[in-house]
N, C-alpha and C. Protein backbone atom coordinates (compact mmCIF):
# COMPACT_ATOMS: atom_id res chain seq x y z
N MET A 1 138.04 125.80 108.54
CA MET A 1 137.43 126.65 109.55
C MET A 1 136.38 127.56 108.92
N ASP A 2 135.23 127.73 109.56
CA ASP A 2 134.19 128.57 109.01
C ASP A 2 134.36 130.03 109.43
N THR A 3 135.24 130.31 110.36
CA THR A 3 135.54 131.67 110.77
C THR A 3 137.01 131.94 110.49
N LYS A 4 137.29 133.02 109.74
CA LYS A 4 138.67 133.33 109.41
C LYS A 4 139.35 134.00 110.59
N ILE A 5 140.34 133.34 111.10
CA ILE A 5 141.06 133.80 112.28
C ILE A 5 142.39 134.41 111.85
N LYS A 6 142.78 135.48 112.52
CA LYS A 6 144.06 136.14 112.22
C LYS A 6 144.97 136.04 113.43
N ILE A 7 146.18 135.54 113.20
CA ILE A 7 147.19 135.45 114.25
C ILE A 7 148.38 136.32 113.85
N ILE A 8 148.81 137.18 114.75
CA ILE A 8 149.97 138.01 114.47
C ILE A 8 151.08 137.67 115.47
N ALA A 9 152.30 137.96 115.08
CA ALA A 9 153.45 137.82 115.98
C ALA A 9 154.13 139.18 116.07
N ILE A 10 154.50 139.57 117.27
CA ILE A 10 155.21 140.83 117.49
C ILE A 10 156.63 140.50 117.93
N CYS A 11 157.60 140.92 117.12
CA CYS A 11 159.01 140.63 117.42
C CYS A 11 159.61 141.74 118.26
N GLY A 12 160.00 141.40 119.48
CA GLY A 12 160.56 142.38 120.39
C GLY A 12 162.08 142.43 120.34
N SER A 13 162.65 142.16 119.19
CA SER A 13 164.10 142.25 119.02
C SER A 13 164.41 143.17 117.86
N LEU A 14 165.40 144.04 118.03
CA LEU A 14 165.82 144.96 116.97
C LEU A 14 167.08 144.48 116.26
N ARG A 15 167.57 143.31 116.62
CA ARG A 15 168.79 142.80 116.00
C ARG A 15 168.53 142.37 114.57
N GLU A 16 169.50 142.64 113.71
CA GLU A 16 169.45 142.10 112.35
C GLU A 16 169.67 140.59 112.43
N ASN A 17 168.97 139.85 111.60
CA ASN A 17 169.03 138.38 111.63
C ASN A 17 168.70 137.86 113.03
N SER A 18 167.64 138.38 113.59
CA SER A 18 167.24 138.08 114.97
C SER A 18 166.79 136.63 115.13
N HIS A 19 167.31 135.96 116.16
CA HIS A 19 166.84 134.62 116.50
C HIS A 19 165.37 134.67 116.95
N THR A 20 165.01 135.74 117.63
CA THR A 20 163.62 135.89 118.09
C THR A 20 162.67 135.93 116.91
N LYS A 21 163.03 136.69 115.88
CA LYS A 21 162.17 136.77 114.70
C LYS A 21 162.08 135.41 114.02
N ARG A 22 163.19 134.70 113.93
CA ARG A 22 163.18 133.38 113.31
C ARG A 22 162.25 132.43 114.08
N ALA A 23 162.31 132.48 115.41
CA ALA A 23 161.44 131.64 116.22
C ALA A 23 159.97 131.97 115.97
N LEU A 24 159.66 133.25 115.85
CA LEU A 24 158.28 133.66 115.61
C LEU A 24 157.80 133.25 114.22
N GLU A 25 158.68 133.28 113.25
CA GLU A 25 158.32 132.83 111.91
C GLU A 25 157.88 131.36 111.93
N ILE A 26 158.57 130.57 112.74
CA ILE A 26 158.20 129.15 112.86
C ILE A 26 156.86 129.01 113.56
N CYS A 27 156.62 129.80 114.60
CA CYS A 27 155.31 129.79 115.27
C CYS A 27 154.20 130.12 114.28
N LEU A 28 154.42 131.14 113.47
CA LEU A 28 153.40 131.54 112.50
C LEU A 28 153.17 130.45 111.46
N ALA A 29 154.23 129.74 111.10
CA ALA A 29 154.08 128.62 110.17
C ALA A 29 153.18 127.55 110.78
N GLY A 30 153.36 127.31 112.08
CA GLY A 30 152.49 126.35 112.76
C GLY A 30 151.05 126.82 112.78
N ALA A 31 150.83 128.11 113.04
CA ALA A 31 149.47 128.65 113.04
C ALA A 31 148.85 128.54 111.65
N GLU A 32 149.65 128.80 110.63
CA GLU A 32 149.14 128.76 109.26
C GLU A 32 148.70 127.35 108.88
N GLN A 33 149.34 126.34 109.45
CA GLN A 33 148.95 124.96 109.19
C GLN A 33 147.52 124.67 109.64
N VAL A 34 147.04 125.44 110.61
CA VAL A 34 145.69 125.26 111.12
C VAL A 34 144.67 125.94 110.20
N GLY A 35 145.15 126.81 109.30
CA GLY A 35 144.26 127.45 108.34
C GLY A 35 143.92 128.88 108.66
N VAL A 36 144.77 129.56 109.43
CA VAL A 36 144.48 130.94 109.80
C VAL A 36 145.32 131.90 108.96
N GLU A 37 144.93 133.15 109.01
CA GLU A 37 145.71 134.23 108.39
C GLU A 37 146.82 134.62 109.36
N ILE A 38 148.02 134.89 108.87
CA ILE A 38 149.14 135.23 109.75
C ILE A 38 149.79 136.54 109.32
N GLN A 39 150.47 137.17 110.28
CA GLN A 39 151.20 138.41 109.99
C GLN A 39 152.32 138.58 111.00
N MET A 40 153.49 138.98 110.52
CA MET A 40 154.62 139.31 111.38
C MET A 40 154.69 140.82 111.56
N ILE A 41 154.80 141.26 112.79
CA ILE A 41 155.03 142.67 113.10
C ILE A 41 156.46 142.79 113.60
N ASP A 42 157.32 143.34 112.77
CA ASP A 42 158.73 143.52 113.10
C ASP A 42 158.92 144.96 113.58
N LEU A 43 159.14 145.13 114.86
CA LEU A 43 159.22 146.48 115.43
C LEU A 43 160.42 147.27 114.91
N ARG A 44 161.36 146.60 114.26
CA ARG A 44 162.48 147.32 113.62
C ARG A 44 161.98 148.30 112.57
N THR A 45 160.86 148.00 111.96
CA THR A 45 160.35 148.80 110.84
C THR A 45 159.30 149.82 111.26
N TYR A 46 159.06 149.96 112.56
CA TYR A 46 158.03 150.87 113.06
C TYR A 46 158.68 152.08 113.73
N ASN A 47 158.10 153.24 113.49
CA ASN A 47 158.55 154.47 114.14
C ASN A 47 157.67 154.71 115.36
N LEU A 48 158.09 154.13 116.49
CA LEU A 48 157.30 154.24 117.71
C LEU A 48 157.97 155.22 118.68
N VAL A 49 157.22 156.18 119.13
CA VAL A 49 157.73 157.10 120.15
C VAL A 49 157.70 156.40 121.50
N PHE A 50 158.43 156.97 122.47
CA PHE A 50 158.36 156.44 123.82
C PHE A 50 157.00 156.79 124.43
N CYS A 51 156.43 155.81 125.12
CA CYS A 51 155.16 156.05 125.79
C CYS A 51 155.37 157.03 126.95
N ASP A 52 154.57 158.12 126.95
CA ASP A 52 154.69 159.11 128.03
C ASP A 52 153.44 159.15 128.90
N GLY A 53 152.56 158.15 128.73
CA GLY A 53 151.36 158.10 129.54
C GLY A 53 150.23 158.96 129.03
N ASN A 54 150.45 159.68 127.94
CA ASN A 54 149.42 160.55 127.38
C ASN A 54 148.52 159.73 126.46
N THR A 55 147.29 159.51 126.85
CA THR A 55 146.38 158.66 126.07
C THR A 55 145.54 159.46 125.08
N THR A 56 145.65 160.78 125.11
CA THR A 56 144.82 161.61 124.23
C THR A 56 145.63 162.36 123.19
N GLY A 57 146.95 162.34 123.28
CA GLY A 57 147.78 163.11 122.38
C GLY A 57 147.92 162.47 121.01
N ASP A 58 148.50 163.23 120.09
CA ASP A 58 148.75 162.73 118.75
C ASP A 58 149.96 161.81 118.76
N TYR A 59 149.87 160.73 118.01
CA TYR A 59 150.97 159.78 117.90
C TYR A 59 151.34 159.60 116.44
N PRO A 60 152.58 159.19 116.16
CA PRO A 60 152.97 158.91 114.78
C PRO A 60 152.06 157.86 114.14
N GLU A 61 152.03 157.86 112.83
CA GLU A 61 151.17 156.94 112.09
C GLU A 61 151.44 155.49 112.44
N ASP A 62 152.70 155.16 112.70
CA ASP A 62 153.04 153.76 112.98
C ASP A 62 152.46 153.28 114.31
N VAL A 63 152.26 154.17 115.26
CA VAL A 63 151.62 153.79 116.52
C VAL A 63 150.17 153.40 116.25
N LEU A 64 149.48 154.21 115.46
CA LEU A 64 148.10 153.91 115.11
C LEU A 64 148.01 152.64 114.28
N LYS A 65 148.98 152.46 113.39
CA LYS A 65 149.03 151.25 112.57
C LYS A 65 149.18 150.01 113.44
N LEU A 66 150.10 150.07 114.41
CA LEU A 66 150.31 148.94 115.32
C LEU A 66 149.04 148.63 116.09
N ARG A 67 148.40 149.64 116.62
CA ARG A 67 147.17 149.43 117.38
C ARG A 67 146.09 148.78 116.52
N GLU A 68 145.95 149.25 115.29
CA GLU A 68 144.93 148.68 114.40
C GLU A 68 145.23 147.22 114.07
N GLN A 69 146.50 146.90 113.85
CA GLN A 69 146.87 145.54 113.50
C GLN A 69 146.61 144.58 114.66
N VAL A 70 146.93 145.00 115.86
CA VAL A 70 146.70 144.14 117.02
C VAL A 70 145.20 144.02 117.30
N THR A 71 144.47 145.11 117.15
CA THR A 71 143.03 145.07 117.37
C THR A 71 142.35 144.10 116.42
N SER A 72 142.84 144.02 115.18
CA SER A 72 142.21 143.17 114.17
C SER A 72 142.53 141.69 114.35
N ALA A 73 143.48 141.37 115.21
CA ALA A 73 143.90 139.98 115.38
C ALA A 73 143.07 139.27 116.43
N HIS A 74 142.98 137.94 116.30
CA HIS A 74 142.31 137.12 117.30
C HIS A 74 143.31 136.53 118.30
N GLY A 75 144.55 136.38 117.85
CA GLY A 75 145.61 135.86 118.71
C GLY A 75 146.91 136.57 118.44
N VAL A 76 147.75 136.68 119.47
CA VAL A 76 149.03 137.40 119.37
C VAL A 76 150.13 136.53 119.97
N ILE A 77 151.22 136.37 119.24
CA ILE A 77 152.39 135.69 119.77
C ILE A 77 153.46 136.74 120.02
N LEU A 78 153.86 136.86 121.27
CA LEU A 78 154.89 137.84 121.65
C LEU A 78 156.23 137.13 121.75
N GLY A 79 157.22 137.68 121.08
CA GLY A 79 158.56 137.11 121.13
C GLY A 79 159.57 138.14 121.62
N THR A 80 160.46 137.71 122.50
CA THR A 80 161.43 138.64 123.06
C THR A 80 162.75 137.95 123.40
N PRO A 81 163.85 138.66 123.24
CA PRO A 81 165.09 138.18 123.88
C PRO A 81 165.01 138.51 125.37
N GLU A 82 165.76 137.78 126.17
CA GLU A 82 165.81 138.13 127.60
C GLU A 82 167.00 139.03 127.84
N TYR A 83 166.72 140.23 128.34
CA TYR A 83 167.76 141.20 128.68
C TYR A 83 167.70 141.47 130.18
N HIS A 84 168.77 141.20 130.89
CA HIS A 84 168.88 141.52 132.31
C HIS A 84 167.69 140.96 133.10
N GLY A 85 167.29 139.73 132.79
CA GLY A 85 166.25 139.06 133.55
C GLY A 85 164.83 139.47 133.21
N SER A 86 164.63 140.17 132.08
CA SER A 86 163.29 140.57 131.71
C SER A 86 163.18 140.66 130.19
N TYR A 87 162.03 141.13 129.72
CA TYR A 87 161.85 141.21 128.26
C TYR A 87 162.37 142.55 127.74
N SER A 88 162.44 142.68 126.42
CA SER A 88 163.14 143.81 125.81
C SER A 88 162.40 145.13 126.00
N GLY A 89 163.16 146.21 125.99
CA GLY A 89 162.60 147.54 126.14
C GLY A 89 161.69 147.92 124.99
N VAL A 90 162.05 147.51 123.78
CA VAL A 90 161.24 147.88 122.62
C VAL A 90 159.87 147.21 122.68
N LEU A 91 159.81 145.98 123.18
CA LEU A 91 158.52 145.32 123.33
C LEU A 91 157.72 145.94 124.46
N LYS A 92 158.40 146.27 125.55
CA LYS A 92 157.75 146.95 126.67
C LYS A 92 157.10 148.25 126.21
N ASN A 93 157.83 149.03 125.42
CA ASN A 93 157.30 150.31 124.94
C ASN A 93 156.11 150.10 124.01
N ALA A 94 156.22 149.10 123.13
CA ALA A 94 155.12 148.82 122.21
C ALA A 94 153.86 148.44 122.98
N LEU A 95 154.01 147.59 124.00
CA LEU A 95 152.86 147.19 124.80
C LEU A 95 152.28 148.37 125.59
N ASP A 96 153.17 149.24 126.07
CA ASP A 96 152.72 150.41 126.83
C ASP A 96 151.91 151.37 125.97
N LEU A 97 152.15 151.36 124.66
CA LEU A 97 151.42 152.22 123.74
C LEU A 97 150.04 151.66 123.40
N MET A 98 149.74 150.47 123.94
CA MET A 98 148.43 149.84 123.71
C MET A 98 147.77 149.55 125.05
N GLY A 99 146.63 148.85 124.99
CA GLY A 99 145.93 148.57 126.23
C GLY A 99 144.83 147.56 126.04
N PHE A 100 143.77 147.67 126.86
CA PHE A 100 142.67 146.72 126.83
C PHE A 100 142.02 146.64 125.46
N GLU A 101 141.87 147.77 124.81
CA GLU A 101 141.16 147.81 123.52
C GLU A 101 141.81 146.88 122.51
N GLU A 102 143.13 146.79 122.56
CA GLU A 102 143.85 145.95 121.61
C GLU A 102 143.94 144.49 122.05
N PHE A 103 144.00 144.23 123.35
CA PHE A 103 144.35 142.88 123.83
C PHE A 103 143.24 142.13 124.56
N GLU A 104 142.26 142.82 125.09
CA GLU A 104 141.28 142.15 125.94
C GLU A 104 140.58 141.01 125.21
N GLY A 105 140.56 139.83 125.83
CA GLY A 105 139.89 138.68 125.27
C GLY A 105 140.66 137.90 124.23
N LYS A 106 141.85 138.36 123.87
CA LYS A 106 142.63 137.68 122.84
C LYS A 106 143.49 136.57 123.45
N MET A 107 143.86 135.61 122.60
CA MET A 107 144.80 134.56 122.99
C MET A 107 146.23 135.06 122.78
N ILE A 108 147.10 134.76 123.73
CA ILE A 108 148.49 135.19 123.63
C ILE A 108 149.41 133.98 123.83
N GLY A 109 150.39 133.86 122.94
CA GLY A 109 151.45 132.87 123.09
C GLY A 109 152.76 133.58 123.35
N LEU A 110 153.65 132.94 124.09
CA LEU A 110 154.89 133.58 124.52
C LEU A 110 156.12 132.80 124.09
N VAL A 111 157.10 133.53 123.54
CA VAL A 111 158.38 132.95 123.12
C VAL A 111 159.50 133.82 123.67
N GLY A 112 160.47 133.19 124.32
CA GLY A 112 161.63 133.92 124.83
C GLY A 112 162.91 133.29 124.34
N VAL A 113 163.89 134.11 124.01
CA VAL A 113 165.17 133.65 123.46
C VAL A 113 166.31 134.21 124.30
N SER A 114 167.28 133.35 124.60
CA SER A 114 168.40 133.79 125.42
C SER A 114 169.70 133.20 124.91
N ALA A 115 170.76 133.97 125.05
CA ALA A 115 172.08 133.46 124.70
C ALA A 115 172.62 132.56 125.80
N GLY A 116 172.09 132.68 127.01
CA GLY A 116 172.58 131.92 128.16
C GLY A 116 171.92 130.56 128.29
N ALA A 117 172.48 129.77 129.19
CA ALA A 117 172.01 128.39 129.36
C ALA A 117 170.70 128.29 130.12
N LEU A 118 170.30 129.33 130.83
CA LEU A 118 169.08 129.27 131.65
C LEU A 118 167.82 129.63 130.87
N GLY A 119 167.98 130.07 129.64
CA GLY A 119 166.81 130.40 128.83
C GLY A 119 166.21 131.74 129.20
N ALA A 120 164.96 131.93 128.79
CA ALA A 120 164.29 133.23 128.94
C ALA A 120 163.06 133.13 129.82
N ASN A 121 163.13 132.28 130.84
CA ASN A 121 161.96 132.06 131.69
C ASN A 121 161.53 133.30 132.46
N ASN A 122 162.48 134.12 132.87
CA ASN A 122 162.11 135.34 133.59
C ASN A 122 161.33 136.29 132.69
N ALA A 123 161.80 136.45 131.46
CA ALA A 123 161.10 137.33 130.51
C ALA A 123 159.70 136.82 130.24
N ILE A 124 159.57 135.51 130.03
CA ILE A 124 158.27 134.92 129.73
C ILE A 124 157.33 135.05 130.93
N SER A 125 157.84 134.82 132.13
CA SER A 125 157.01 134.94 133.33
C SER A 125 156.46 136.35 133.49
N THR A 126 157.30 137.33 133.22
CA THR A 126 156.84 138.73 133.31
C THR A 126 155.79 139.02 132.25
N LEU A 127 156.00 138.53 131.03
CA LEU A 127 155.03 138.75 129.96
C LEU A 127 153.70 138.06 130.26
N ARG A 128 153.76 136.93 130.95
CA ARG A 128 152.52 136.24 131.32
C ARG A 128 151.70 137.14 132.26
N SER A 129 152.35 137.82 133.19
CA SER A 129 151.66 138.75 134.08
C SER A 129 151.10 139.94 133.30
N VAL A 130 151.86 140.41 132.33
CA VAL A 130 151.40 141.52 131.49
C VAL A 130 150.14 141.11 130.73
N GLY A 131 150.15 139.89 130.19
CA GLY A 131 148.97 139.39 129.47
C GLY A 131 147.73 139.37 130.34
N ARG A 132 147.89 138.89 131.57
CA ARG A 132 146.74 138.88 132.49
C ARG A 132 146.29 140.31 132.81
N SER A 133 147.23 141.22 132.96
CA SER A 133 146.88 142.61 133.26
C SER A 133 146.09 143.25 132.13
N LEU A 134 146.34 142.78 130.90
CA LEU A 134 145.64 143.30 129.73
C LEU A 134 144.33 142.55 129.47
N HIS A 135 143.95 141.65 130.40
CA HIS A 135 142.72 140.87 130.29
C HIS A 135 142.73 139.96 129.07
N ALA A 136 143.91 139.48 128.71
CA ALA A 136 144.05 138.52 127.62
C ALA A 136 144.17 137.12 128.20
N TRP A 137 144.06 136.12 127.33
CA TRP A 137 144.19 134.72 127.72
C TRP A 137 145.55 134.22 127.26
N VAL A 138 146.45 133.98 128.19
CA VAL A 138 147.78 133.47 127.84
C VAL A 138 147.71 131.95 127.80
N VAL A 139 148.04 131.36 126.65
CA VAL A 139 147.89 129.91 126.51
C VAL A 139 148.89 129.19 127.42
N PRO A 140 148.58 127.96 127.81
CA PRO A 140 149.43 127.24 128.76
C PRO A 140 150.85 127.00 128.27
N ASP A 141 151.00 126.61 127.00
CA ASP A 141 152.34 126.34 126.48
C ASP A 141 153.13 127.62 126.29
N GLN A 142 154.43 127.53 126.42
CA GLN A 142 155.34 128.63 126.14
C GLN A 142 156.66 128.02 125.68
N VAL A 143 157.47 128.81 125.00
CA VAL A 143 158.75 128.29 124.51
C VAL A 143 159.87 129.22 124.96
N SER A 144 160.75 128.69 125.80
CA SER A 144 161.96 129.38 126.24
C SER A 144 163.15 128.71 125.56
N ILE A 145 163.92 129.49 124.84
CA ILE A 145 165.03 128.94 124.05
C ILE A 145 166.36 129.38 124.67
N PRO A 146 167.11 128.47 125.29
CA PRO A 146 168.44 128.80 125.80
C PRO A 146 169.50 128.61 124.70
N LEU A 147 170.68 129.15 124.93
CA LEU A 147 171.81 128.94 124.02
C LEU A 147 171.40 129.13 122.57
N ALA A 148 170.84 130.29 122.28
CA ALA A 148 170.24 130.54 120.98
C ALA A 148 171.23 130.38 119.83
N ASP A 149 172.49 130.76 120.04
CA ASP A 149 173.48 130.63 118.97
C ASP A 149 173.72 129.18 118.59
N VAL A 150 173.51 128.28 119.55
CA VAL A 150 173.67 126.85 119.27
C VAL A 150 172.40 126.31 118.62
N VAL A 151 171.25 126.69 119.17
CA VAL A 151 169.96 126.20 118.67
C VAL A 151 169.75 126.62 117.21
N PHE A 152 170.18 127.84 116.87
CA PHE A 152 170.00 128.36 115.52
C PHE A 152 171.30 128.34 114.71
N ALA A 153 172.18 127.42 115.01
CA ALA A 153 173.50 127.36 114.36
C ALA A 153 173.35 127.20 112.85
N ASP A 154 174.18 127.94 112.10
CA ASP A 154 174.26 127.83 110.65
C ASP A 154 172.92 128.08 109.95
N GLY A 155 172.08 128.90 110.58
CA GLY A 155 170.81 129.23 109.96
C GLY A 155 169.75 128.17 110.09
N ASN A 156 170.08 127.06 110.72
CA ASN A 156 169.12 125.99 110.95
C ASN A 156 168.57 126.08 112.37
N ILE A 157 167.73 125.13 112.75
CA ILE A 157 167.20 125.10 114.10
C ILE A 157 167.07 123.66 114.55
N GLU A 158 167.34 123.43 115.81
CA GLU A 158 167.20 122.08 116.35
C GLU A 158 165.78 121.59 116.19
N ALA A 159 165.63 120.32 115.82
CA ALA A 159 164.32 119.75 115.51
C ALA A 159 163.36 119.83 116.69
N ALA A 160 163.85 119.56 117.89
CA ALA A 160 162.98 119.57 119.07
C ALA A 160 162.41 120.97 119.34
N THR A 161 163.25 121.99 119.17
CA THR A 161 162.79 123.36 119.39
C THR A 161 161.82 123.78 118.29
N GLU A 162 162.12 123.39 117.07
CA GLU A 162 161.21 123.71 115.96
C GLU A 162 159.83 123.10 116.21
N LYS A 163 159.79 121.88 116.70
CA LYS A 163 158.51 121.22 116.98
C LYS A 163 157.73 121.98 118.04
N ARG A 164 158.40 122.44 119.09
CA ARG A 164 157.72 123.18 120.16
C ARG A 164 157.17 124.51 119.64
N LEU A 165 157.92 125.18 118.78
CA LEU A 165 157.47 126.45 118.23
C LEU A 165 156.26 126.25 117.30
N LEU A 166 156.31 125.23 116.48
CA LEU A 166 155.18 124.93 115.61
C LEU A 166 153.94 124.62 116.44
N ASN A 167 154.11 123.84 117.49
CA ASN A 167 152.98 123.48 118.35
C ASN A 167 152.39 124.71 119.05
N LEU A 168 153.26 125.63 119.46
CA LEU A 168 152.76 126.85 120.10
C LEU A 168 151.90 127.65 119.12
N GLY A 169 152.38 127.79 117.89
CA GLY A 169 151.60 128.50 116.89
C GLY A 169 150.25 127.85 116.64
N ARG A 170 150.26 126.52 116.57
CA ARG A 170 149.00 125.80 116.38
C ARG A 170 148.05 126.01 117.57
N GLN A 171 148.61 125.98 118.78
CA GLN A 171 147.78 126.13 119.96
C GLN A 171 147.12 127.50 120.02
N VAL A 172 147.88 128.54 119.72
CA VAL A 172 147.30 129.89 119.72
C VAL A 172 146.19 129.99 118.68
N ALA A 173 146.43 129.40 117.50
CA ALA A 173 145.42 129.44 116.44
C ALA A 173 144.16 128.68 116.84
N ARG A 174 144.33 127.50 117.40
CA ARG A 174 143.17 126.68 117.76
C ARG A 174 142.36 127.29 118.90
N PHE A 175 143.06 127.79 119.93
CA PHE A 175 142.35 128.43 121.02
C PHE A 175 141.64 129.69 120.53
N SER A 176 142.27 130.43 119.62
CA SER A 176 141.64 131.64 119.08
C SER A 176 140.37 131.28 118.32
N TYR A 177 140.42 130.21 117.57
CA TYR A 177 139.24 129.77 116.82
C TYR A 177 138.12 129.37 117.78
N LEU A 178 138.46 128.55 118.78
CA LEU A 178 137.45 128.10 119.73
C LEU A 178 136.82 129.28 120.48
N HIS A 179 137.67 130.23 120.86
CA HIS A 179 137.18 131.38 121.63
C HIS A 179 136.28 132.27 120.78
N SER A 180 136.51 132.26 119.46
CA SER A 180 135.76 133.14 118.57
C SER A 180 134.55 132.46 117.94
N SER A 181 134.42 131.15 118.12
CA SER A 181 133.34 130.42 117.46
C SER A 181 131.99 130.77 118.05
N ALA A 182 130.96 130.58 117.24
CA ALA A 182 129.59 130.88 117.67
C ALA A 182 129.19 130.02 118.86
N HIS A 183 129.59 128.75 118.87
CA HIS A 183 129.25 127.86 119.97
C HIS A 183 129.85 128.37 121.28
N SER A 184 131.10 128.84 121.21
CA SER A 184 131.75 129.35 122.42
C SER A 184 131.04 130.60 122.92
N GLN A 185 130.67 131.48 122.00
CA GLN A 185 130.00 132.71 122.40
C GLN A 185 128.63 132.40 123.03
N GLU A 186 127.94 131.42 122.48
CA GLU A 186 126.66 131.02 123.05
C GLU A 186 126.85 130.46 124.46
N PHE A 187 127.90 129.67 124.65
CA PHE A 187 128.17 129.10 125.96
C PHE A 187 128.48 130.21 126.98
N ILE A 188 129.30 131.16 126.56
CA ILE A 188 129.67 132.25 127.47
C ILE A 188 128.44 133.06 127.87
N LYS A 189 127.56 133.35 126.90
CA LYS A 189 126.35 134.10 127.22
C LYS A 189 125.44 133.32 128.17
N ALA A 190 125.33 132.00 127.91
CA ALA A 190 124.50 131.17 128.79
C ALA A 190 125.08 131.11 130.20
N TRP A 191 126.40 131.02 130.28
CA TRP A 191 127.07 130.97 131.59
C TRP A 191 126.82 132.26 132.36
N GLU A 192 126.94 133.40 131.68
CA GLU A 192 126.75 134.69 132.34
C GLU A 192 125.29 134.88 132.78
N ALA A 193 124.36 134.27 132.03
CA ALA A 193 122.94 134.43 132.34
C ALA A 193 122.43 133.41 133.35
N ALA A 194 123.25 132.44 133.69
CA ALA A 194 122.81 131.38 134.60
C ALA A 194 122.55 131.94 136.00
N PRO A 195 121.53 131.40 136.69
CA PRO A 195 121.27 131.86 138.07
C PRO A 195 122.41 131.46 138.99
N SER A 196 122.54 132.17 140.07
CA SER A 196 123.60 131.85 141.05
C SER A 196 123.34 130.50 141.68
N ASN A 197 124.39 129.88 142.12
CA ASN A 197 124.30 128.55 142.71
C ASN A 197 123.71 128.65 144.13
N PRO A 198 122.52 128.08 144.36
CA PRO A 198 121.92 128.21 145.71
C PRO A 198 122.73 127.49 146.77
N GLY A 199 123.51 126.49 146.35
CA GLY A 199 124.33 125.76 147.32
C GLY A 199 125.38 126.64 147.96
N ALA A 200 125.71 127.73 147.30
CA ALA A 200 126.72 128.64 147.85
C ALA A 200 126.23 129.35 149.10
N GLN A 201 124.91 129.29 149.33
CA GLN A 201 124.36 129.99 150.50
C GLN A 201 124.50 129.16 151.78
N TYR A 202 124.87 127.89 151.66
CA TYR A 202 124.88 127.02 152.82
C TYR A 202 126.29 126.58 153.17
């Protein structure tokens, strides 16, 4: 690749030996295979205050650090356990501490992990809406992992799930590269400068 792309993953689980974090590590491995720079953001290690809606106040250093890391990325993979039919509170708070400046125009991949048999589709669906609200591009593929204790039994992972996670990481990396390439930017500028379609008047 002629443009160095950075993909980060944000782990929305505070559990030690988190299945969510393990899933994101595999996604990042897939992204790295495409030739991009990768980084894991483990919210367990960040001192984040609760978002109080104050956009002008002073925040701890880790809040500014998180914002800078997300701003510098071209693609973001969000991972969460499903709690009570939605995504985790720690991830919600982290996202609330950011906004358009960090996410607008970026590619987003989604991973959800659940102990139950139905998977994490509710959490992922909600995050997809959040991504659109932040003016980001949520990639078509997503990975919902049901029965996580079985899928990640004995520290291993089922081959089919591993393949899906690797593919998601690759997809986020590839879409991020295409979106950031000079050819894509030229196309977008040409599209925006194109005259309106006269056929729309009839």
